[in-house]
Amino acid sequence: MPVPLLSLLETRILGVLVEKQHTVPDTYPLTLNALVAGCNQKTSRDPVLEASDAEVQAALDHLKTLTLVVESSGGRVLRYAHNVGRALGVPAQAVAILATMMLRGPQTIAELRIHGERLHKFADISSVAGFLDELATRADGALVVELPRAPGARETRWTHLLSENPAGGAAPVRAASVVETLGATSERVAVAELVALRGAVTRLEDEVAALRATVARMLAELGLPPP
């Protein structure tokens, strides 16, 4: 499946469904009321949203057309389950990483491991890094990207590319306003490509610097002058 471009609310819904599948399996699939509560949850969420029942229902309807969400009619109310792994063709470990980003925004590799522990227990940080690399180099389109290192930060953060991720903050974000500010599809693609390009340039610069250091060391060992 090509990489879909979703609203922030739609990715939040997917993140909540993945989360609750693991943390409250007895009540999964979720009802609309449970989904709204999960989307508007004040803890473990960045940014915090204020979505109405109607907004969540409309987002669910769109996600169903993309086969990212499946509806079931068991019992007296409709219930909803995610289909992220099958729809995007990624393993459960990758689904856990994506869901953690959908719930908490951009994070470092260490943060992804800690915050996603209830969704999947990764053996170590290198395991998380391996799945991030796979998600960033998918033949059908990257699902994550490494962001440029922020000034003063020791580690880079990673974010998913399924939607725009507004900067986190204490103030709740109205779900409808998020959809409006995302802009046209072409603009979102351009932003994602720019972020990916910046990350690639940073990695290339680091690799070139390492190669130069290696060449200089080899020349010194051979008694040759530096280039």
C-alpha atoms as a PDB file:
ATOM      1  CA  MET A   1       0.000   0.000   0.000  1.00  0.00           C
ATOM      2  CA  PRO A   2       1.402   3.458  -0.903  1.00  0.00           C
ATOM      3  CA  VAL A   3       2.057   5.710   2.076  1.00  0.00           C
ATOM      4  CA  PRO A   4      -1.270   7.403   2.943  1.00  0.00           C
ATOM      5  CA  LEU A   5      -1.423  11.049   3.991  1.00  0.00           C
ATOM      6  CA  LEU A   6      -3.627  11.270   7.042  1.00  0.00           C
ATOM      7  CA  SER A   7      -4.768  13.960   9.431  1.00  0.00           C
ATOM      8  CA  LEU A   8      -3.315  14.198  12.926  1.00  0.00           C
ATOM      9  CA  LEU A   9      -6.610  12.920  14.341  1.00  0.00           C
ATOM     10  CA  GLU A  10      -6.566   9.899  12.034  1.00  0.00           C
ATOM     11  CA  THR A  11      -3.058   8.921  13.121  1.00  0.00           C
ATOM     12  CA  ARG A  12      -4.046   9.493  16.762  1.00  0.00           C
ATOM     13  CA  ILE A  13      -6.955   7.083  16.299  1.00  0.00           C
ATOM     14  CA  LEU A  14      -4.620   4.434  14.900  1.00  0.00           C
ATOM     15  CA  GLY A  15      -2.196   4.968  17.766  1.00  0.00           C
ATOM     16  CA  VAL A  16      -4.965   4.619  20.342  1.00  0.00           C
ATOM     17  CA  LEU A  17      -6.269   1.413  18.746  1.00  0.00           C
ATOM     18  CA  VAL A  18      -2.793  -0.152  18.770  1.00  0.00           C
ATOM     19  CA  GLU A  19      -2.206   0.986  22.357  1.00  0.00           C
ATOM     20  CA  LYS A  20      -5.498  -0.281  23.746  1.00  0.00           C
ATOM     21  CA  GLN A  21      -5.140  -3.594  21.908  1.00  0.00           C
ATOM     22  CA  HIS A  22      -2.146  -4.287  24.160  1.00  0.00           C
ATOM     23  CA  THR A  23      -3.072  -2.466  27.369  1.00  0.00           C
ATOM     24  CA  VAL A  24      -6.798  -3.284  27.677  1.00  0.00           C
ATOM     25  CA  PRO A  25      -7.321  -6.380  25.479  1.00  0.00           C
ATOM     26  CA  ASP A  26     -10.579  -7.258  27.269  1.00  0.00           C
ATOM     27  CA  THR A  27     -12.303  -4.144  25.873  1.00  0.00           C
ATOM     28  CA  TYR A  28     -10.706  -4.284  22.412  1.00  0.00           C
ATOM     29  CA  PRO A  29     -11.958  -3.631  19.672  1.00  0.00           C
ATOM     30  CA  LEU A  30     -13.019  -0.211  20.945  1.00  0.00           C
ATOM     31  CA  THR A  31     -16.341   1.580  20.884  1.00  0.00           C
ATOM     32  CA  LEU A  32     -16.603   5.135  19.558  1.00  0.00           C
ATOM     33  CA  ASN A  33     -16.846   6.498  23.112  1.00  0.00           C
ATOM     34  CA  ALA A  34     -13.686   4.657  24.169  1.00  0.00           C
ATOM     35  CA  LEU A  35     -11.855   5.922  21.082  1.00  0.00           C
ATOM     36  CA  VAL A  36     -12.844   9.541  21.731  1.00  0.00           C
ATOM     37  CA  ALA A  37     -11.630   9.230  25.328  1.00  0.00           C
ATOM     38  CA  GLY A  38      -8.354   7.730  24.144  1.00  0.00           C
ATOM     39  CA  CYS A  39      -7.810  10.449  21.552  1.00  0.00           C
ATOM     40  CA  ASN A  40      -8.504  13.224  24.081  1.00  0.00           C
ATOM     41  CA  GLN A  41      -6.438  11.642  26.854  1.00  0.00           C
ATOM     42  CA  LYS A  42      -4.324  14.239  28.668  1.00  0.00           C
ATOM     43  CA  THR A  43      -1.448  11.941  29.661  1.00  0.00           C
ATOM     44  CA  SER A  44       1.018  10.167  27.333  1.00  0.00           C
ATOM     45  CA  ARG A  45      -0.166  12.299  24.410  1.00  0.00           C
ATOM     46  CA  ASP A  46       1.618  14.954  22.373  1.00  0.00           C
ATOM     47  CA  PRO A  47      -0.057  17.096  21.251  1.00  0.00           C
ATOM     48  CA  VAL A  48      -3.178  16.893  23.420  1.00  0.00           C
ATOM     49  CA  LEU A  49      -6.337  16.908  21.288  1.00  0.00           C
ATOM     50  CA  GLU A  50      -9.945  17.956  21.813  1.00  0.00           C
ATOM     51  CA  ALA A  51     -11.876  15.850  19.287  1.00  0.00           C
ATOM     52  CA  SER A  52     -15.651  15.544  19.191  1.00  0.00           C
ATOM     53  CA  ASP A  53     -17.583  12.323  18.585  1.00  0.00           C
ATOM     54  CA  ALA A  54     -18.493  13.535  15.088  1.00  0.00           C
ATOM     55  CA  GLU A  55     -14.853  14.306  14.206  1.00  0.00           C
ATOM     56  CA  VAL A  56     -13.665  10.903  15.380  1.00  0.00           C
ATOM     57  CA  GLN A  57     -16.463   9.174  13.487  1.00  0.00           C
ATOM     58  CA  ALA A  58     -15.621  11.019  10.271  1.00  0.00           C
ATOM     59  CA  ALA A  59     -11.953  10.101  10.673  1.00  0.00           C
ATOM     60  CA  LEU A  60     -12.906   6.464  11.261  1.00  0.00           C
ATOM     61  CA  ASP A  61     -14.975   6.427   8.081  1.00  0.00           C
ATOM     62  CA  HIS A  62     -11.977   7.619   6.074  1.00  0.00           C
ATOM     63  CA  LEU A  63      -9.642   5.124   7.720  1.00  0.00           C
ATOM     64  CA  LYS A  64     -12.048   2.327   6.822  1.00  0.00           C
ATOM     65  CA  THR A  65     -11.826   3.246   3.145  1.00  0.00           C
ATOM     66  CA  LEU A  66      -8.049   2.817   3.409  1.00  0.00           C
ATOM     67  CA  THR A  67      -8.485  -0.556   5.203  1.00  0.00           C
ATOM     68  CA  LEU A  68      -6.486   0.853   8.113  1.00  0.00           C
ATOM     69  CA  VAL A  69      -9.486   0.334  10.406  1.00  0.00           C
ATOM     70  CA  VAL A  70     -11.965  -2.536  10.511  1.00  0.00           C
ATOM     71  CA  GLU A  71     -15.504  -2.196  11.885  1.00  0.00           C
ATOM     72  CA  SER A  72     -17.293  -4.999  13.712  1.00  0.00           C
ATOM     73  CA  SER A  73     -20.928  -5.141  14.778  1.00  0.00           C
ATOM     74  CA  GLY A  74     -20.766  -7.618  17.633  1.00  0.00           C
ATOM     75  CA  GLY A  75     -22.912  -6.680  20.628  1.00  0.00           C
ATOM     76  CA  ARG A  76     -25.157  -3.643  20.802  1.00  0.00           C
ATOM     77  CA  VAL A  77     -22.619  -1.075  19.601  1.00  0.00           C
ATOM     78  CA  LEU A  78     -20.138  -0.865  16.745  1.00  0.00           C
ATOM     79  CA  ARG A  79     -16.517  -1.527  17.592  1.00  0.00           C
ATOM     80  CA  TYR A  80     -13.311  -0.647  15.765  1.00  0.00           C
ATOM     81  CA  ALA A  81      -9.943  -2.377  15.363  1.00  0.00           C
ATOM     82  CA  HIS A  82      -6.792  -1.305  13.551  1.00  0.00           C
ATOM     83  CA  ASN A  83      -5.353  -3.064  10.521  1.00  0.00           C
ATOM     84  CA  VAL A  84      -2.080  -1.120  10.355  1.00  0.00           C
ATOM     85  CA  GLY A  85       0.309  -4.027   9.989  1.00  0.00           C
ATOM     86  CA  ARG A  86      -1.524  -5.715   7.159  1.00  0.00           C
ATOM     87  CA  ALA A  87      -2.506  -2.496   5.339  1.00  0.00           C
ATOM     88  CA  LEU A  88       1.016  -1.070   5.358  1.00  0.00           C
ATOM     89  CA  GLY A  89       2.810  -4.398   5.119  1.00  0.00           C
ATOM     90  CA  VAL A  90       4.934  -3.954   8.245  1.00  0.00           C
ATOM     91  CA  PRO A  91       5.601  -6.298  11.201  1.00  0.00           C
ATOM     92  CA  ALA A  92       4.173  -5.928  14.695  1.00  0.00           C
ATOM     93  CA  GLN A  93       7.399  -4.357  15.993  1.00  0.00           C
ATOM     94  CA  ALA A  94       7.150  -1.595  13.386  1.00  0.00           C
ATOM     95  CA  VAL A  95       3.467  -1.061  14.216  1.00  0.00           C
ATOM     96  CA  ALA A  96       4.447  -0.521  17.862  1.00  0.00           C
ATOM     97  CA  ILE A  97       7.043   2.092  16.885  1.00  0.00           C
ATOM     98  CA  LEU A  98       4.638   3.928  14.581  1.00  0.00           C
ATOM     99  CA  ALA A  99       1.901   3.920  17.220  1.00  0.00           C
ATOM    100  CA  THR A 100       4.279   5.354  19.828  1.00  0.00           C
ATOM    101  CA  MET A 101       5.059   8.224  17.447  1.00  0.00           C
ATOM    102  CA  MET A 102       1.367   8.721  16.688  1.00  0.00           C
ATOM    103  CA  LEU A 103       0.638   9.079  20.395  1.00  0.00           C
ATOM    104  CA  ARG A 104       3.658  11.109  21.539  1.00  0.00           C
ATOM    105  CA  GLY A 105       5.137  12.802  18.459  1.00  0.00           C
ATOM    106  CA  PRO A 106       8.840  12.839  17.469  1.00  0.00           C
ATOM    107  CA  GLN A 107      11.148  10.946  19.860  1.00  0.00           C
ATOM    108  CA  THR A 108      14.682   9.672  20.200  1.00  0.00           C
ATOM    109  CA  ILE A 109      15.403   5.978  19.755  1.00  0.00           C
ATOM    110  CA  ALA A 110      15.762   5.559  23.518  1.00  0.00           C
ATOM    111  CA  GLU A 111      12.433   7.309  24.134  1.00  0.00           C
ATOM    112  CA  LEU A 112      10.708   5.125  21.555  1.00  0.00           C
ATOM    113  CA  ARG A 113      11.933   2.027  23.352  1.00  0.00           C
ATOM    114  CA  ILE A 114      10.806   3.277  26.772  1.00  0.00           C
ATOM    115  CA  HIS A 115       7.454   4.755  25.735  1.00  0.00           C
ATOM    116  CA  GLY A 116       6.567   1.785  23.533  1.00  0.00           C
ATOM    117  CA  GLU A 117       7.442  -0.877  26.084  1.00  0.00           C
ATOM    118  CA  ARG A 118       3.803  -1.811  26.695  1.00  0.00           C
ATOM    119  CA  LEU A 119       3.273  -2.310  22.964  1.00  0.00           C
ATOM    120  CA  HIS A 120       6.427  -4.338  22.331  1.00  0.00           C
ATOM    121  CA  LYS A 121       9.453  -5.118  24.501  1.00  0.00           C
ATOM    122  CA  PHE A 122      12.532  -4.463  22.392  1.00  0.00           C
ATOM    123  CA  ALA A 123      15.690  -6.242  23.524  1.00  0.00           C
ATOM    124  CA  ASP A 124      17.813  -3.113  23.218  1.00  0.00           C
ATOM    125  CA  ILE A 125      18.118   0.241  21.472  1.00  0.00           C
ATOM    126  CA  SER A 126      19.800  -1.315  18.441  1.00  0.00           C
ATOM    127  CA  SER A 127      16.661  -3.382  17.834  1.00  0.00           C
ATOM    128  CA  VAL A 128      14.578  -0.207  17.657  1.00  0.00           C
ATOM    129  CA  ALA A 129      17.160   1.380  15.359  1.00  0.00           C
ATOM    130  CA  GLY A 130      17.006  -1.606  13.026  1.00  0.00           C
ATOM    131  CA  PHE A 131      13.253  -1.366  12.577  1.00  0.00           C
ATOM    132  CA  LEU A 132      13.482   2.420  12.123  1.00  0.00           C
ATOM    133  CA  ASP A 133      15.979   1.911   9.304  1.00  0.00           C
ATOM    134  CA  GLU A 134      13.613  -0.574   7.643  1.00  0.00           C
ATOM    135  CA  LEU A 135      10.691   1.834   7.927  1.00  0.00           C
ATOM    136  CA  ALA A 136      12.816   4.671   6.511  1.00  0.00           C
ATOM    137  CA  THR A 137      13.943   2.696   3.456  1.00  0.00           C
ATOM    138  CA  ARG A 138      10.739   0.929   2.398  1.00  0.00           C
ATOM    139  CA  ALA A 139      10.427   0.319  -1.347  1.00  0.00           C
ATOM    140  CA  ASP A 140       6.809   1.561  -1.205  1.00  0.00           C
ATOM    141  CA  GLY A 141       7.804   4.797   0.501  1.00  0.00           C
ATOM    142  CA  ALA A 142       9.362   5.791   3.812  1.00  0.00           C
ATOM    143  CA  LEU A 143       7.099   5.720   6.865  1.00  0.00           C
ATOM    144  CA  VAL A 144       9.558   7.417   9.243  1.00  0.00           C
ATOM    145  CA  VAL A 145      12.380   9.929   8.983  1.00  0.00           C
ATOM    146  CA  GLU A 146      15.248  10.994  11.215  1.00  0.00           C
ATOM    147  CA  LEU A 147      14.975  14.693  12.025  1.00  0.00           C
ATOM    148  CA  PRO A 148      17.999  17.037  12.076  1.00  0.00           C
ATOM    149  CA  ARG A 149      19.560  17.266  15.536  1.00  0.00           C
ATOM    150  CA  ALA A 150      18.081  20.159  17.484  1.00  0.00           C
ATOM    151  CA  PRO A 151      20.483  22.793  18.897  1.00  0.00           C
ATOM    152  CA  GLY A 152      21.853  21.573  22.212  1.00  0.00           C
ATOM    153  CA  ALA A 153      20.375  18.081  21.805  1.00  0.00           C
ATOM    154  CA  ARG A 154      22.595  15.028  22.196  1.00  0.00           C
ATOM    155  CA  GLU A 155      20.464  12.712  20.084  1.00  0.00           C
ATOM    156  CA  THR A 156      18.315  13.053  16.981  1.00  0.00           C
ATOM    157  CA  ARG A 157      14.597  12.370  17.029  1.00  0.00           C
ATOM    158  CA  TRP A 158      12.499  10.311  14.639  1.00  0.00           C
ATOM    159  CA  THR A 159       8.976  10.990  13.410  1.00  0.00           C
ATOM    160  CA  HIS A 160       6.452   9.191  11.228  1.00  0.00           C
ATOM    161  CA  LEU A 161       5.481  10.479   7.777  1.00  0.00           C
ATOM    162  CA  LEU A 162       1.801   9.522   7.791  1.00  0.00           C
ATOM    163  CA  SER A 163       0.776  13.052   8.775  1.00  0.00           C
ATOM    164  CA  GLU A 164       2.138  16.408   9.842  1.00  0.00           C
ATOM    165  CA  ASN A 165       3.188  16.544  13.499  1.00  0.00           C
ATOM    166  CA  PRO A 166       2.631  19.972  15.044  1.00  0.00           C
ATOM    167  CA  ALA A 167       5.071  20.877  17.784  1.00  0.00           C
ATOM    168  CA  GLY A 168       3.912  19.576  21.128  1.00  0.00           C
ATOM    169  CA  GLY A 169       2.609  21.955  23.718  1.00  0.00           C
ATOM    170  CA  ALA A 170       0.456  22.216  26.798  1.00  0.00           C
ATOM    171  CA  ALA A 171      -2.528  23.738  25.006  1.00  0.00           C
ATOM    172  CA  PRO A 172      -5.028  21.247  23.542  1.00  0.00           C
ATOM    173  CA  VAL A 173      -5.311  21.230  19.771  1.00  0.00           C
ATOM    174  CA  ARG A 174      -8.795  21.269  18.279  1.00  0.00           C
ATOM    175  CA  ALA A 175      -9.005  18.297  15.902  1.00  0.00           C
ATOM    176  CA  ALA A 176     -10.778  20.224  13.140  1.00  0.00           C
ATOM    177  CA  SER A 177      -8.174  23.006  13.160  1.00  0.00           C
ATOM    178  CA  VAL A 178      -5.399  20.440  12.763  1.00  0.00           C
ATOM    179  CA  VAL A 179      -6.990  19.110   9.588  1.00  0.00           C
ATOM    180  CA  GLU A 180      -7.425  22.621   8.222  1.00  0.00           C
ATOM    181  CA  THR A 181      -3.805  23.631   8.850  1.00  0.00           C
ATOM    182  CA  LEU A 182      -2.302  20.574   7.236  1.00  0.00           C
ATOM    183  CA  GLY A 183      -2.704  22.183   3.815  1.00  0.00           C
ATOM    184  CA  ALA A 184      -2.874  20.547   0.433  1.00  0.00           C
ATOM    185  CA  THR A 185      -1.468  17.094  -0.199  1.00  0.00           C
ATOM    186  CA  SER A 186       1.337  18.433  -2.335  1.00  0.00           C
ATOM    187  CA  GLU A 187       2.446  20.760   0.465  1.00  0.00           C
ATOM    188  CA  ARG A 188       2.558  17.892   2.956  1.00  0.00           C
ATOM    189  CA  VAL A 189       4.606  15.794   0.550  1.00  0.00           C
ATOM    190  CA  ALA A 190       7.023  18.684   0.047  1.00  0.00           C
ATOM    191  CA  VAL A 191       7.524  19.073   3.802  1.00  0.00           C
ATOM    192  CA  ALA A 192       8.139  15.351   4.261  1.00  0.00           C
ATOM    193  CA  GLU A 193      10.619  15.278   1.381  1.00  0.00           C
ATOM    194  CA  LEU A 194      12.461  18.331   2.773  1.00  0.00           C
ATOM    195  CA  VAL A 195      12.776  16.745   6.214  1.00  0.00           C
ATOM    196  CA  ALA A 196      14.015  13.490   4.683  1.00  0.00           C
ATOM    197  CA  LEU A 197      16.527  15.381   2.520  1.00  0.00           C
ATOM    198  CA  ARG A 198      17.915  17.299   5.484  1.00  0.00           C
ATOM    199  CA  GLY A 199      18.352  14.083   7.425  1.00  0.00           C
ATOM    200  CA  ALA A 200      20.133  12.456   4.474  1.00  0.00           C
ATOM    201  CA  VAL A 201      22.479  15.427   4.071  1.00  0.00           C
ATOM    202  CA  THR A 202      23.388  15.309   7.765  1.00  0.00           C
ATOM    203  CA  ARG A 203      24.188  11.594   7.564  1.00  0.00           C
ATOM    204  CA  LEU A 204      26.289  12.102   4.402  1.00  0.00           C
ATOM    205  CA  GLU A 205      28.273  14.901   6.007  1.00  0.00           C
ATOM    206  CA  ASP A 206      29.041  12.639   8.991  1.00  0.00           C
ATOM    207  CA  GLU A 207      30.124   9.815   6.667  1.00  0.00           C
ATOM    208  CA  VAL A 208      32.403  12.125   4.645  1.00  0.00           C
ATOM    209  CA  ALA A 209      34.032  13.447   7.818  1.00  0.00           C
ATOM    210  CA  ALA A 210      34.656   9.876   9.017  1.00  0.00           C
ATOM    211  CA  LEU A 211      36.171   8.902   5.667  1.00  0.00           C
ATOM    212  CA  ARG A 212      38.467  11.940   5.680  1.00  0.00           C
ATOM    213  CA  ALA A 213      39.682  11.038   9.155  1.00  0.00           C
ATOM    214  CA  THR A 214      40.349   7.456   8.060  1.00  0.00           C
ATOM    215  CA  VAL A 215      42.328   8.561   4.970  1.00  0.00           C
ATOM    216  CA  ALA A 216      44.383  11.022   7.022  1.00  0.00           C
ATOM    217  CA  ARG A 217      45.212   8.314   9.564  1.00  0.00           C
ATOM    218  CA  MET A 218      46.245   5.836   6.850  1.00  0.00           C
ATOM    219  CA  LEU A 219      48.486   8.424   5.150  1.00  0.00           C
ATOM    220  CA  ALA A 220      50.116   9.255   8.475  1.00  0.00           C
ATOM    221  CA  GLU A 221      50.830   5.571   9.124  1.00  0.00           C
ATOM    222  CA  LEU A 222      52.457   5.286   5.670  1.00  0.00           C
ATOM    223  CA  GLY A 223      54.526   8.403   6.229  1.00  0.00           C
ATOM    224  CA  LEU A 224      52.801  10.252   3.398  1.00  0.00           C
ATOM    225  CA  PRO A 225      51.761  13.922   3.481  1.00  0.00           C
ATOM    226  CA  PRO A 226      48.087  14.706   4.078  1.00  0.00           C
ATOM    227  CA  PRO A 227      45.951  15.421   0.981  1.00  0.00           C
END
